[in-house]
Amino acid sequence: MIFKSKKKENKKGVLRENIEAIIFALILALIIRAFVVQAYKIPSGSMKDTLLIGDHLLVNKFIYGVRMPFTNKTIIPVSRPDRGDIVVFKAPVDPPKDFIKRVVGLPGDKIQIRNKKLYINNKRYEESYIKHTDSVFYKGVLNPRDNYGPVTVPKESYFMMGDNRDNSTDSRFIGFINYEQLKGEAMIIYWSWKQDSFGVRWSRIGDIIR
């Protein structure tokens, strides 16, 4: 008569439980990343001084609804962006890449920029968070940076602009952003790193993004 070792059976049971726990954790992490929250890193200065190069963000992907992976088609809508929200979206550039900008124009809005000043529905729109670093004014014939429009934002679309207005590739250059291109709203800075001096910006960690 052959007897199996209880110690071996216990080891196999513990190993199996650990493997199952790891697999479950990986699946849960993938689901959270795909549908709920995703981490992003700021690679450029187009949102200075609101967001800096080296800021690491958590982005709420669920706020704009449950999306199909890979296609980004909305299955269950939740909410729509408000003016002033800072959002991540898939930009229509070649190759496609993620951009992060501020929502300026909502569907149906009339947008115009005159000598670097933004007008929405024929009214001057005051913005405390923007910055200008260039004193030159482009007329808008060849470069729409400082003089643009008027244009009307189409249905299901949004007009995006970076806070660093003289150094941002946004809707002035790449056009309107469709709702299906939105990936999520920026929530919080969880880490910030000065790439030039390898220092940590401790004061920015935990900042709510507005």
Protein backbone atom coordinates (compact mmCIF):
# COMPACT_ATOMS: atom_id res chain seq x y z
CA MET A 1 0.00 0.00 0.00
CA ILE A 2 1.41 3.44 -1.03
CA PHE A 3 0.70 6.51 1.07
CA LYS A 4 1.07 10.06 -0.34
CA SER A 5 2.95 12.55 1.76
CA LYS A 6 0.66 15.11 3.41
CA LYS A 7 3.51 17.66 3.30
CA LYS A 8 3.77 17.32 -0.51
CA GLU A 9 0.01 17.68 -0.89
CA ASN A 10 0.05 20.79 1.31
CA LYS A 11 2.90 22.30 -0.73
CA LYS A 12 1.03 21.65 -3.97
CA GLY A 13 -2.10 23.20 -2.48
CA VAL A 14 -0.26 26.34 -1.34
CA LEU A 15 1.52 26.66 -4.72
CA ARG A 16 -1.77 26.35 -6.56
CA GLU A 17 -3.41 28.98 -4.34
CA ASN A 18 -0.49 31.38 -4.92
CA ILE A 19 -0.64 30.91 -8.70
CA GLU A 20 -4.40 31.45 -8.71
CA ALA A 21 -3.99 34.60 -6.59
CA ILE A 22 -1.33 35.97 -8.96
CA ILE A 23 -3.47 35.25 -12.03
CA PHE A 24 -6.50 36.89 -10.40
CA ALA A 25 -4.43 39.96 -9.46
CA LEU A 26 -3.12 40.28 -13.03
CA ILE A 27 -6.61 40.01 -14.51
CA LEU A 28 -7.94 42.55 -12.02
CA ALA A 29 -5.08 44.94 -12.83
CA LEU A 30 -5.78 44.63 -16.56
CA ILE A 31 -9.49 45.31 -16.02
CA ILE A 32 -8.73 48.37 -13.87
CA ARG A 33 -6.27 49.69 -16.47
CA ALA A 34 -8.66 49.09 -19.35
CA PHE A 35 -11.84 50.48 -17.80
CA VAL A 36 -11.18 52.46 -14.59
CA VAL A 37 -7.79 54.14 -14.01
CA GLN A 38 -4.60 54.42 -16.02
CA ALA A 39 -1.25 56.08 -15.34
CA TYR A 40 0.21 58.64 -17.75
CA LYS A 41 3.46 60.61 -17.89
CA ILE A 42 3.71 64.19 -19.19
CA PRO A 43 6.31 64.24 -22.00
CA SER A 44 6.06 67.87 -23.17
CA GLY A 45 5.53 71.40 -21.91
CA SER A 46 2.25 72.14 -23.72
CA MET A 47 0.30 72.28 -20.42
CA LYS A 48 2.75 74.41 -18.41
CA ASP A 49 2.42 75.52 -15.69
CA THR A 50 -0.59 73.38 -14.83
CA LEU A 51 1.28 70.21 -15.75
CA LEU A 52 5.05 69.92 -16.03
CA ILE A 53 7.34 67.57 -17.92
CA GLY A 54 7.93 64.60 -15.64
CA ASP A 55 4.55 64.74 -13.89
CA HIS A 56 2.98 61.29 -13.53
CA LEU A 57 -0.82 61.30 -13.48
CA LEU A 58 -3.73 59.02 -12.72
CA VAL A 59 -6.45 59.33 -15.34
CA ASN A 60 -10.08 58.41 -14.70
CA LYS A 61 -11.12 56.31 -17.71
CA PHE A 62 -14.53 55.33 -16.34
CA ILE A 63 -15.86 58.91 -16.23
CA TYR A 64 -16.65 58.91 -19.96
CA GLY A 65 -18.21 55.45 -19.88
CA VAL A 66 -17.27 51.84 -20.37
CA ARG A 67 -15.34 51.46 -23.63
CA MET A 68 -14.57 48.46 -25.78
CA PRO A 69 -10.85 47.63 -25.60
CA PHE A 70 -8.86 48.46 -28.76
CA THR A 71 -11.83 50.09 -30.55
CA ASN A 72 -12.63 52.63 -27.77
CA LYS A 73 -16.32 52.45 -28.68
CA THR A 74 -18.59 53.43 -25.80
CA ILE A 75 -20.71 50.56 -24.47
CA ILE A 76 -22.17 52.28 -21.40
CA PRO A 77 -22.05 56.11 -21.42
CA VAL A 78 -21.50 57.78 -18.04
CA SER A 79 -20.81 61.50 -18.52
CA ARG A 80 -19.51 64.12 -20.93
CA PRO A 81 -16.60 66.54 -20.51
CA ASP A 82 -17.19 70.01 -19.10
CA ARG A 83 -15.42 73.14 -20.25
CA GLY A 84 -12.15 73.43 -18.37
CA ASP A 85 -11.62 69.69 -17.85
CA ILE A 86 -8.15 68.37 -18.57
CA VAL A 87 -8.48 65.21 -20.63
CA VAL A 88 -6.37 62.57 -22.34
CA PHE A 89 -7.38 61.71 -25.89
CA LYS A 90 -6.12 59.85 -28.93
CA ALA A 91 -4.89 62.59 -31.25
CA PRO A 92 -5.48 62.30 -35.02
CA VAL A 93 -1.80 62.58 -35.92
CA ASP A 94 0.49 60.16 -37.73
CA PRO A 95 1.23 57.93 -35.95
CA PRO A 96 -1.72 58.32 -33.51
CA LYS A 97 -0.64 59.17 -29.98
CA ASP A 98 -2.15 60.25 -26.68
CA PHE A 99 -2.39 63.99 -26.03
CA ILE A 100 -3.45 65.77 -22.85
CA LYS A 101 -5.15 69.18 -23.19
CA ARG A 102 -7.88 71.30 -21.68
CA VAL A 103 -11.46 71.25 -23.01
CA VAL A 104 -12.22 74.73 -24.33
CA GLY A 105 -15.10 74.28 -26.75
CA LEU A 106 -18.19 72.09 -26.32
CA PRO A 107 -20.50 70.84 -29.11
CA GLY A 108 -22.25 73.81 -30.71
CA ASP A 109 -19.84 76.45 -29.35
CA LYS A 110 -18.53 79.16 -31.64
CA ILE A 111 -14.76 79.42 -31.12
CA GLN A 112 -12.53 82.28 -32.18
CA ILE A 113 -9.03 83.43 -31.24
CA ARG A 114 -8.11 87.05 -31.85
CA ASN A 115 -4.57 88.18 -31.06
CA LYS A 116 -4.07 85.29 -28.60
CA LYS A 117 -7.37 86.00 -26.80
CA LEU A 118 -10.08 83.33 -26.74
CA TYR A 119 -13.71 84.11 -27.54
CA ILE A 120 -16.53 81.63 -27.00
CA ASN A 121 -19.91 82.43 -28.52
CA ASN A 122 -18.72 85.98 -29.26
CA LYS A 123 -17.73 86.65 -25.63
CA ARG A 124 -14.19 87.00 -24.28
CA TYR A 125 -13.37 83.94 -22.19
CA GLU A 126 -11.10 84.69 -19.24
CA GLU A 127 -8.60 82.01 -18.27
CA SER A 128 -6.39 82.32 -15.19
CA TYR A 129 -4.33 79.19 -15.90
CA ILE A 130 -2.86 80.01 -19.34
CA LYS A 131 0.57 81.40 -20.13
CA HIS A 132 2.18 83.08 -23.16
CA THR A 133 5.91 82.94 -23.79
CA ASP A 134 6.12 84.55 -27.22
CA SER A 135 5.44 88.25 -27.91
CA VAL A 136 5.04 87.62 -31.66
CA PHE A 137 1.50 87.62 -33.09
CA TYR A 138 0.78 85.47 -36.13
CA LYS A 139 -1.98 86.74 -38.40
CA GLY A 140 -3.52 83.31 -38.93
CA VAL A 141 -3.18 82.93 -42.71
CA LEU A 142 -0.36 80.38 -42.46
CA ASN A 143 -0.21 79.86 -38.70
CA PRO A 144 -3.47 79.65 -36.68
CA ARG A 145 -1.79 79.89 -33.28
CA ASP A 146 -2.76 83.48 -32.42
CA ASN A 147 -5.67 84.17 -34.79
CA TYR A 148 -8.13 81.41 -35.56
CA GLY A 149 -11.73 80.99 -36.65
CA PRO A 150 -14.49 81.61 -36.05
CA VAL A 151 -15.51 77.95 -36.18
CA THR A 152 -18.44 76.03 -34.71
CA VAL A 153 -17.69 72.85 -32.78
CA PRO A 154 -19.54 69.93 -34.42
CA LYS A 155 -21.88 67.56 -32.65
CA GLU A 156 -20.10 64.94 -30.49
CA SER A 157 -16.85 66.90 -30.78
CA TYR A 158 -14.67 69.16 -28.61
CA PHE A 159 -12.12 71.92 -29.08
CA MET A 160 -8.93 71.33 -27.08
CA MET A 161 -6.13 73.73 -26.20
CA GLY A 162 -2.96 73.51 -24.14
CA ASP A 163 -2.45 75.94 -21.24
CA ASN A 164 0.95 76.90 -22.67
CA ARG A 165 -0.79 78.62 -25.59
CA ASP A 166 2.28 79.58 -27.63
CA ASN A 167 3.74 76.06 -27.47
CA SER A 168 0.89 73.60 -27.89
CA THR A 169 -0.20 71.37 -30.75
CA ASP A 170 -3.94 71.31 -30.19
CA SER A 171 -7.27 71.80 -31.99
CA ARG A 172 -5.93 74.94 -33.67
CA PHE A 173 -3.65 72.61 -35.66
CA ILE A 174 -5.17 69.10 -35.50
CA GLY A 175 -8.88 69.95 -35.55
CA PHE A 176 -11.81 68.89 -33.40
CA ILE A 177 -11.65 65.85 -31.13
CA ASN A 178 -14.53 63.39 -31.30
CA TYR A 179 -16.07 61.96 -28.13
CA GLU A 180 -14.91 58.46 -29.09
CA GLN A 181 -11.30 59.70 -29.08
CA LEU A 182 -11.46 60.69 -25.40
CA LYS A 183 -9.64 58.32 -23.05
CA GLY A 184 -10.22 59.89 -19.64
CA GLU A 185 -9.97 62.88 -17.32
CA ALA A 186 -6.77 63.69 -15.45
CA MET A 187 -7.30 63.37 -11.68
CA ILE A 188 -4.16 63.57 -9.56
CA ILE A 189 -0.37 63.83 -9.74
CA TYR A 190 1.04 60.78 -7.97
CA TRP A 191 4.71 61.40 -8.84
CA SER A 192 6.75 64.26 -10.31
CA TRP A 193 10.32 64.05 -11.48
CA LYS A 194 12.71 66.73 -12.77
CA GLN A 195 14.37 64.99 -15.67
CA ASP A 196 17.14 67.56 -16.08
CA SER A 197 18.34 67.48 -12.45
CA PHE A 198 16.98 64.06 -11.38
CA GLY A 199 15.14 65.64 -8.48
CA VAL A 200 11.71 64.89 -7.07
CA ARG A 201 9.10 67.66 -6.99
CA TRP A 202 7.73 66.67 -3.60
CA SER A 203 5.33 69.62 -3.42
CA ARG A 204 3.44 68.43 -6.52
CA ILE A 205 2.81 64.86 -5.35
CA GLY A 206 -0.85 64.43 -4.43
CA ASP A 207 -1.99 67.59 -6.23
CA ILE A 208 -5.54 67.42 -7.63
CA ILE A 209 -5.47 68.46 -11.29
CA ARG A 210 -7.68 71.43 -12.16
